Amino acid sequence: MYLFQRIEEMAVRADDSRRSICDFVLEQKGNLASCSMQQIAEKTFTSKATVFRFAQSLGYAGWRDFLDDFLKEADYLQRHASPTDPNMPFDADDAPDALVAKLASLQKDTIDDTVRVMDYEALEQATDYLMSAQRIAVFGMSPNSILAMVFRRRMETIGRQVIVPPLDESGIVSRGLGENDCAIVISYSGNNERREPMRYVAPMKANGVRLIGITSGGENYLRRTIPCTLCISSRERLYSKIAGFSTSQSVMFLLDSLFSSVFARNFQENFDYKVSNSRDLERRRSASLISMAETDQEPSSEGATTDE
């Protein structure tokens, strides 16, 4: 979780003077370097001691240490900023074509950003885990659990069984996994080990389960606890946004990358298995368009469509 997201989270949860400092820092991040602690205290109707404690509550020795990291983060996000705001990608008065164009731009930028922060060593290690696992489980809150269902479907087409347990069964499923199994834990914030799905991590580690984390950039509980972690494009705010368009696109791309990496390890075998099963299971179905028809299949006028 990036600093700006941790500050936003603090602003929501804090019930003291730190909230006004959070709001000021988020609003004035471009001008923060020119503000002294005294000026910030005056503008937020607090004190220098409160500003100091604000930095400490984020894990820093003092304000200067916090400011150095915050400015570096702000500079990185600015240099890699998308022309489309991931939190407010369209406006109320956008025509349909403009709205669709903005969403398309955001999704392209999200994938580019996900590739930019991809850890290929972690991807290889995660693939090793998935290849050798007897059982694979994916843990996450909605909508991540919904995206995991698509991953499960893809893996099943090559004969690999994946469990996506519902929330009320996640605890018992996680405790039933062992050293021959693998679990993927998805959380954008990745914080608070007492909340789902993070609270399943410690029991699974104790049981020797090989863990793969999918979470946002920056420091958080999942990154500290799971060495094999893939990074979600992390430009969205936690709360102040229309929807998690960027996050969902990034998570789905990472899951697709995992599936594709597993598929590629035994490419021909997986391809033959998938095609053979598709033909057996969908013998009654045929493509209505010549361009969609298989080489051994005549186009049909029934209007059926192909599926994965």
Protein backbone atom coordinates (compact mmCIF):
# COMPACT_ATOMS: atom_id res chain seq x y z
CA MET A 1 0.00 0.00 0.00
CA TYR A 2 1.42 3.34 -1.03
CA LEU A 3 1.80 6.15 1.50
CA PHE A 4 -1.03 8.19 0.01
CA GLN A 5 -3.36 5.21 0.45
CA ARG A 6 -2.24 4.66 4.05
CA ILE A 7 -2.89 8.35 4.73
CA GLU A 8 -6.35 8.13 3.16
CA GLU A 9 -7.07 5.08 5.33
CA MET A 10 -5.90 6.98 8.42
CA ALA A 11 -8.14 9.92 7.50
CA VAL A 12 -11.17 7.62 7.45
CA ARG A 13 -10.31 5.85 10.71
CA ALA A 14 -8.80 8.68 12.78
CA ASP A 15 -11.05 10.44 15.27
CA ASP A 16 -8.50 13.02 16.39
CA SER A 17 -6.53 15.95 14.97
CA ARG A 18 -4.58 13.66 12.64
CA ARG A 19 -7.55 13.70 10.26
CA SER A 20 -7.03 17.37 9.39
CA ILE A 21 -3.33 16.71 8.75
CA CYS A 22 -4.24 13.75 6.51
CA ASP A 23 -6.61 15.92 4.49
CA PHE A 24 -4.03 18.69 4.15
CA VAL A 25 -1.24 16.32 3.04
CA LEU A 26 -3.44 14.67 0.40
CA GLU A 27 -4.74 17.99 -0.92
CA GLN A 28 -1.38 19.79 -0.94
CA LYS A 29 1.00 16.97 -1.89
CA GLY A 30 2.39 18.99 -4.80
CA ASN A 31 3.24 21.90 -2.50
CA LEU A 32 4.18 19.96 0.60
CA ALA A 33 7.94 20.37 0.13
CA SER A 34 7.63 24.13 0.62
CA CYS A 35 5.67 23.86 3.87
CA SER A 36 7.39 23.80 7.24
CA MET A 37 6.02 21.82 10.17
CA GLN A 38 4.95 25.10 11.78
CA GLN A 39 3.05 26.18 8.66
CA ILE A 40 1.30 22.80 8.43
CA ALA A 41 0.38 23.01 12.12
CA GLU A 42 -1.10 26.48 11.60
CA LYS A 43 -3.03 25.53 8.47
CA THR A 44 -4.48 22.40 10.12
CA PHE A 45 -5.17 24.10 13.48
CA THR A 46 -2.91 21.62 15.25
CA SER A 47 0.62 21.81 16.67
CA LYS A 48 4.14 20.84 15.58
CA ALA A 49 4.00 17.99 18.09
CA THR A 50 0.83 16.66 16.42
CA VAL A 51 2.45 16.86 12.98
CA PHE A 52 5.44 14.97 14.39
CA ARG A 53 3.20 12.28 15.88
CA PHE A 54 1.37 12.00 12.54
CA ALA A 55 4.66 11.01 10.88
CA GLN A 56 5.46 8.61 13.70
CA SER A 57 2.07 6.90 13.40
CA LEU A 58 3.05 6.01 9.81
CA GLY A 59 6.25 4.35 11.05
CA TYR A 60 8.72 7.22 10.58
CA ALA A 61 11.21 8.65 13.04
CA GLY A 62 10.03 12.16 12.23
CA TRP A 63 8.48 14.52 9.72
CA ARG A 64 11.55 14.85 7.48
CA ASP A 65 11.84 11.08 6.99
CA PHE A 66 8.16 10.88 6.13
CA LEU A 67 8.38 13.85 3.75
CA ASP A 68 11.33 12.37 1.83
CA ASP A 69 9.45 9.13 1.12
CA PHE A 70 6.18 10.91 0.38
CA LEU A 71 7.80 13.23 -2.17
CA LYS A 72 9.58 10.32 -3.89
CA GLU A 73 6.28 8.48 -4.14
CA ALA A 74 4.47 11.57 -5.45
CA ASP A 75 7.19 12.07 -8.07
CA TYR A 76 6.95 8.42 -9.22
CA LEU A 77 3.16 8.57 -9.49
CA GLN A 78 3.35 11.86 -11.36
CA ARG A 79 5.92 10.53 -13.87
CA HIS A 80 3.78 7.47 -14.56
CA ALA A 81 0.42 9.19 -14.34
CA SER A 82 -2.35 8.14 -16.67
CA PRO A 83 -4.11 10.84 -18.73
CA THR A 84 -7.34 9.31 -17.39
CA ASP A 85 -7.99 9.66 -13.67
CA PRO A 86 -8.42 6.09 -12.35
CA ASN A 87 -10.69 7.37 -9.57
CA MET A 88 -12.94 9.57 -11.74
CA PRO A 89 -12.37 8.29 -15.29
CA PHE A 90 -15.46 9.95 -16.77
CA ASP A 91 -17.70 12.94 -16.13
CA ALA A 92 -21.45 13.27 -15.78
CA ASP A 93 -21.78 15.10 -19.10
CA ASP A 94 -19.60 12.75 -21.18
CA ALA A 95 -21.23 11.45 -24.35
CA PRO A 96 -21.27 7.64 -24.70
CA ASP A 97 -18.35 7.61 -27.15
CA ALA A 98 -16.23 9.81 -24.86
CA LEU A 99 -17.08 7.69 -21.82
CA VAL A 100 -16.11 4.46 -23.60
CA ALA A 101 -12.90 6.01 -24.94
CA LYS A 102 -11.87 7.09 -21.43
CA LEU A 103 -12.53 3.63 -19.98
CA ALA A 104 -10.54 2.04 -22.82
CA SER A 105 -7.65 4.41 -22.19
CA LEU A 106 -7.71 3.66 -18.47
CA GLN A 107 -7.65 -0.10 -19.02
CA LYS A 108 -4.74 0.13 -21.46
CA ASP A 109 -2.81 2.35 -19.06
CA THR A 110 -3.55 -0.04 -16.20
CA ILE A 111 -2.12 -3.02 -18.06
CA ASP A 112 0.95 -0.99 -19.04
CA ASP A 113 1.46 0.00 -15.41
CA THR A 114 0.99 -3.61 -14.23
CA VAL A 115 3.67 -4.76 -16.68
CA ARG A 116 5.95 -1.91 -15.57
CA VAL A 117 5.94 -3.13 -11.96
CA MET A 118 5.92 -6.87 -12.78
CA ASP A 119 8.36 -8.97 -10.74
CA TYR A 120 9.29 -11.71 -13.21
CA GLU A 121 11.24 -13.72 -10.63
CA ALA A 122 8.13 -13.78 -8.45
CA LEU A 123 6.05 -14.82 -11.47
CA GLU A 124 8.41 -17.73 -12.13
CA GLN A 125 8.36 -18.77 -8.49
CA ALA A 126 4.57 -18.53 -8.37
CA THR A 127 4.38 -20.72 -11.46
CA ASP A 128 6.62 -23.29 -9.77
CA TYR A 129 4.27 -23.30 -6.78
CA LEU A 130 1.19 -23.78 -8.95
CA MET A 131 2.80 -26.49 -11.05
CA SER A 132 3.78 -28.61 -8.04
CA ALA A 133 0.65 -28.05 -5.93
CA GLN A 134 -1.77 -30.86 -5.23
CA ARG A 135 -4.45 -28.32 -4.37
CA ILE A 136 -4.73 -24.64 -5.27
CA ALA A 137 -6.94 -22.20 -3.38
CA VAL A 138 -7.59 -18.50 -3.98
CA PHE A 139 -8.64 -16.21 -1.12
CA GLY A 140 -10.01 -12.71 -1.55
CA MET A 141 -12.96 -10.47 -0.86
CA SER A 142 -15.43 -9.54 -3.59
CA PRO A 143 -14.83 -8.49 -6.35
CA ASN A 144 -11.44 -10.24 -6.22
CA SER A 145 -13.16 -13.55 -5.44
CA ILE A 146 -15.31 -13.07 -8.55
CA LEU A 147 -12.21 -12.51 -10.69
CA ALA A 148 -10.70 -15.62 -9.10
CA MET A 149 -13.65 -17.63 -10.45
CA VAL A 150 -12.53 -16.74 -13.99
CA PHE A 151 -9.01 -17.91 -13.10
CA ARG A 152 -10.48 -21.14 -11.72
CA ARG A 153 -12.40 -21.68 -14.98
CA ARG A 154 -9.28 -21.17 -17.08
CA MET A 155 -7.22 -23.56 -14.94
CA GLU A 156 -9.93 -26.22 -15.14
CA THR A 157 -9.72 -26.19 -18.94
CA ILE A 158 -6.21 -27.66 -18.59
CA GLY A 159 -7.16 -30.11 -15.86
CA ARG A 160 -5.97 -28.10 -12.85
CA GLN A 161 -8.51 -27.89 -10.03
CA VAL A 162 -8.74 -24.60 -8.11
CA ILE A 163 -10.81 -23.82 -5.01
CA VAL A 164 -12.33 -20.36 -4.53
CA PRO A 165 -14.04 -20.78 -1.16
CA PRO A 166 -16.93 -18.51 -0.13
CA LEU A 167 -16.13 -16.14 2.71
CA ASP A 168 -17.88 -18.21 5.38
CA GLU A 169 -15.84 -21.27 4.43
CA SER A 170 -12.47 -19.62 3.82
CA GLY A 171 -11.26 -20.21 7.38
CA ILE A 172 -11.83 -23.96 7.38
CA VAL A 173 -10.48 -24.34 3.82
CA SER A 174 -7.30 -22.40 4.66
CA ARG A 175 -6.64 -24.57 7.72
CA GLY A 176 -7.09 -27.73 5.68
CA LEU A 177 -4.25 -26.87 3.30
CA GLY A 178 -0.75 -28.29 3.81
CA GLU A 179 2.81 -28.27 2.54
CA ASN A 180 1.87 -29.84 -0.80
CA ASP A 181 -0.69 -27.12 -1.53
CA CYS A 182 -0.59 -23.55 -2.82
CA ALA A 183 -2.74 -20.54 -1.95
CA ILE A 184 -3.14 -17.21 -3.73
CA VAL A 185 -4.11 -14.33 -1.42
CA ILE A 186 -5.52 -11.23 -3.15
CA SER A 187 -5.95 -7.89 -1.38
CA TYR A 188 -5.49 -4.38 -2.73
CA SER A 189 -4.62 -2.82 0.63
CA GLY A 190 -2.92 -5.95 1.99
CA ASN A 191 -3.13 -4.59 5.52
CA ASN A 192 -4.63 -5.63 8.86
CA GLU A 193 -3.80 -9.26 9.61
CA ARG A 194 -7.05 -9.60 11.58
CA ARG A 195 -9.22 -9.10 8.49
CA GLU A 196 -10.04 -11.41 5.58
CA PRO A 197 -8.15 -12.63 3.65
CA MET A 198 -4.99 -11.61 5.54
CA ARG A 199 -6.00 -13.48 8.70
CA TYR A 200 -5.67 -16.79 6.85
CA VAL A 201 -2.00 -16.17 6.02
CA ALA A 202 -0.43 -17.02 9.41
CA PRO A 203 -2.21 -20.42 9.80
CA MET A 204 -1.32 -21.37 6.23
CA LYS A 205 2.33 -20.40 6.73
CA ALA A 206 2.38 -22.51 9.89
CA ASN A 207 1.09 -25.47 7.84
CA GLY A 208 3.79 -25.00 5.21
CA VAL A 209 1.43 -23.86 2.43
CA ARG A 210 3.25 -22.17 -0.46
CA LEU A 211 1.81 -18.68 -0.68
CA ILE A 212 1.44 -16.21 -3.54
CA GLY A 213 0.41 -12.64 -2.73
CA ILE A 214 -1.33 -10.25 -5.12
CA THR A 215 -1.44 -6.77 -3.64
CA SER A 216 -0.76 -3.09 -4.23
CA GLY A 217 2.63 -1.40 -4.32
CA GLY A 218 4.31 0.02 -1.24
CA GLU A 219 4.60 -1.52 2.20
CA ASN A 220 1.87 -3.67 3.73
CA TYR A 221 1.26 -6.85 5.73
CA LEU A 222 1.08 -9.17 2.72
CA ARG A 223 4.41 -7.93 1.34
CA ARG A 224 6.08 -8.34 4.74
CA THR A 225 4.68 -11.85 5.16
CA ILE A 226 4.66 -13.38 1.65
CA PRO A 227 7.97 -13.11 -0.25
CA CYS A 228 6.39 -14.27 -3.53
CA THR A 229 4.18 -11.28 -4.33
CA LEU A 230 2.87 -9.78 -7.57
CA CYS A 231 2.02 -6.08 -7.72
CA ILE A 232 -1.35 -4.60 -8.61
CA SER A 233 -1.36 -1.28 -10.43
CA SER A 234 -1.86 0.99 -7.43
CA ARG A 235 -3.01 4.41 -8.58
CA GLU A 236 -6.52 4.27 -7.17
CA ARG A 237 -7.58 5.76 -3.89
CA LEU A 238 -9.04 3.34 -1.39
CA TYR A 239 -12.45 4.98 -1.05
CA SER A 240 -12.94 8.13 -3.15
CA LYS A 241 -13.59 6.64 -6.58
CA ILE A 242 -16.44 5.68 -8.91
CA ALA A 243 -15.41 2.01 -9.02
CA GLY A 244 -12.32 -0.19 -8.94
CA PHE A 245 -11.94 -0.20 -12.72
CA SER A 246 -8.15 -0.08 -12.62
CA THR A 247 -7.72 -2.50 -9.72
CA SER A 248 -9.99 -5.15 -11.24
CA GLN A 249 -8.26 -4.88 -14.61
CA SER A 250 -4.84 -5.25 -12.98
CA VAL A 251 -5.85 -8.23 -10.80
CA MET A 252 -7.39 -10.01 -13.79
CA PHE A 253 -4.26 -9.39 -15.85
CA LEU A 254 -2.07 -10.86 -13.10
CA LEU A 255 -4.30 -13.93 -12.82
CA ASP A 256 -4.22 -14.29 -16.61
CA SER A 257 -0.41 -14.03 -16.44
CA LEU A 258 -0.29 -16.83 -13.87
CA PHE A 259 -2.58 -19.05 -15.95
CA SER A 260 -0.61 -18.36 -19.12
CA SER A 261 2.70 -19.08 -17.39
CA VAL A 262 1.35 -22.42 -16.14
CA PHE A 263 -0.06 -23.19 -19.60
CA ALA A 264 3.28 -22.42 -21.27
CA ARG A 265 5.22 -24.86 -19.06
CA ASN A 266 3.51 -27.76 -20.89
CA PHE A 267 2.19 -25.85 -23.87
CA GLN A 268 1.44 -28.63 -26.36
CA GLU A 269 0.09 -31.02 -23.74
CA ASN A 270 -2.20 -28.34 -22.30
CA PHE A 271 -3.33 -27.20 -25.74
CA ASP A 272 -4.14 -30.74 -26.86
CA TYR A 273 -5.97 -31.45 -23.60
CA LYS A 274 -8.03 -28.28 -23.87
CA VAL A 275 -8.94 -28.77 -27.54
CA SER A 276 -9.79 -32.45 -27.04
CA ASN A 277 -12.08 -31.73 -24.10
CA SER A 278 -13.70 -28.80 -25.89
CA ARG A 279 -14.55 -30.99 -28.85
CA ASP A 280 -15.98 -33.74 -26.64
CA LEU A 281 -17.97 -31.40 -24.41
CA GLU A 282 -19.23 -29.11 -27.16
CA ARG A 283 -19.80 -31.64 -29.93
CA ARG A 284 -23.26 -30.22 -30.54
CA ARG A 285 -22.01 -26.69 -30.88
CA SER A 286 -20.62 -25.19 -34.04
CA ALA A 287 -19.57 -21.77 -35.18
CA SER A 288 -22.08 -19.76 -37.18
CA LEU A 289 -19.35 -17.73 -38.87
CA ILE A 290 -16.87 -19.17 -41.33
CA SER A 291 -14.05 -17.24 -39.62
CA MET A 292 -14.90 -18.91 -36.28
CA ALA A 293 -15.26 -22.48 -37.60
CA GLU A 294 -12.61 -25.11 -36.85
CA THR A 295 -10.87 -26.64 -39.85
CA ASP A 296 -12.85 -29.88 -39.46
CA GLN A 297 -16.16 -28.15 -38.82
CA GLU A 298 -18.77 -26.83 -41.21
CA PRO A 299 -20.37 -23.45 -40.46
CA SER A 300 -23.82 -23.77 -38.90
CA SER A 301 -26.92 -21.70 -39.38
CA GLU A 302 -28.18 -22.41 -35.86
CA GLY A 303 -26.50 -19.32 -34.45
CA ALA A 304 -24.51 -21.15 -31.77
CA THR A 305 -21.39 -19.51 -30.46
CA THR A 306 -18.12 -20.95 -29.28
CA ASP A 307 -16.96 -20.80 -25.70
CA GLU A 308 -13.67 -21.15 -23.90
